[in-house]
């Protein structure tokens, strides 16, 4: 993942629900800092890389689920 990349949470983490979009603001080893909107406020969340997916992969996964 790269800084500025759009991501989507794949499971709930630190008060952010699954399916919530955000943007990567920092990357370090296997963790990323993601900025997202929660209740009309910006929130920064430190998560593992396996807790989020790039937005394009998330959309592909949803498309595949609806076709089955």
Protein backbone atom coordinates (compact mmCIF):
# COMPACT_ATOMS: atom_id res chain seq x y z
CA UNK A 1 0.00 0.00 0.00
CA UNK A 2 1.08 3.53 -0.70
CA UNK A 3 0.41 6.86 0.98
CA UNK A 4 -2.68 8.48 -0.54
CA UNK A 5 -4.22 5.19 -1.66
CA UNK A 6 -7.97 4.75 -1.15
CA UNK A 7 -8.78 1.75 1.07
CA UNK A 8 -11.81 0.08 2.65
CA UNK A 9 -11.96 -1.57 6.09
CA UNK A 10 -12.70 -5.30 5.75
CA UNK A 11 -13.57 -5.76 9.44
CA UNK A 12 -14.43 -3.45 12.35
CA UNK A 13 -11.36 -1.81 13.96
CA UNK A 14 -11.23 0.81 16.74
CA UNK A 15 -14.80 2.00 16.26
CA UNK A 16 -14.68 2.03 12.46
CA UNK A 17 -17.12 -0.38 10.82
CA UNK A 18 -16.38 -2.79 8.00
CA UNK A 19 -16.99 -1.32 4.56
CA UNK A 20 -15.95 2.19 5.64
CA UNK A 21 -13.70 3.94 3.09
CA UNK A 22 -10.56 5.85 4.02
CA UNK A 23 -7.20 7.06 2.76
CA UNK A 24 -3.73 5.84 3.75
CA UNK A 25 -1.69 8.64 5.36
CA UNK A 26 1.33 6.63 6.60
CA UNK A 27 2.89 3.19 6.07
CA UNK A 28 5.28 1.31 8.38
CA UNK A 29 6.08 -2.41 8.04
CA UNK A 30 2.76 -4.28 8.37
CA UNK A 31 0.74 -1.35 9.75
CA UNK A 32 -0.87 1.62 8.08
CA UNK A 33 -2.43 4.83 9.37
CA UNK A 34 -5.80 5.39 7.73
CA UNK A 35 -7.80 8.62 7.80
CA UNK A 36 -11.58 8.24 7.53
CA UNK A 37 -14.80 10.06 8.40
CA UNK A 38 -16.69 8.82 11.45
CA UNK A 39 -19.81 10.73 12.51
CA UNK A 40 -18.88 13.80 10.43
CA UNK A 41 -15.39 13.98 11.98
CA UNK A 42 -12.03 12.88 10.63
CA UNK A 43 -10.44 10.02 12.54
CA UNK A 44 -6.98 8.52 12.14
CA UNK A 45 -6.77 4.78 12.81
CA UNK A 46 -3.65 2.64 13.06
CA UNK A 47 -4.43 -0.78 11.55
CA UNK A 48 -2.66 -3.83 10.19
CA UNK A 49 -2.46 -4.19 6.43
CA UNK A 50 -4.80 -7.20 6.56
CA UNK A 51 -7.57 -5.06 8.11
CA UNK A 52 -7.98 -2.98 4.94
CA UNK A 53 -8.14 -3.61 1.20
CA UNK A 54 -7.40 -1.21 -1.64
CA UNK A 55 -10.69 0.23 -2.86
CA UNK A 56 -10.37 -1.32 -6.35
CA UNK A 57 -9.96 -4.82 -4.85
CA UNK A 58 -12.92 -4.25 -2.50
CA UNK A 59 -15.12 -3.25 -5.47
CA UNK A 60 -14.00 -6.35 -7.40
CA UNK A 61 -14.86 -8.56 -4.41
CA UNK A 62 -18.33 -7.02 -4.10
CA UNK A 63 -18.94 -7.44 -7.81
CA UNK A 64 -17.95 -11.11 -7.61
CA UNK A 65 -20.30 -11.69 -4.65
CA UNK A 66 -23.31 -10.24 -6.48
CA UNK A 67 -22.64 -12.38 -9.58
CA UNK A 68 -22.76 -15.64 -7.61
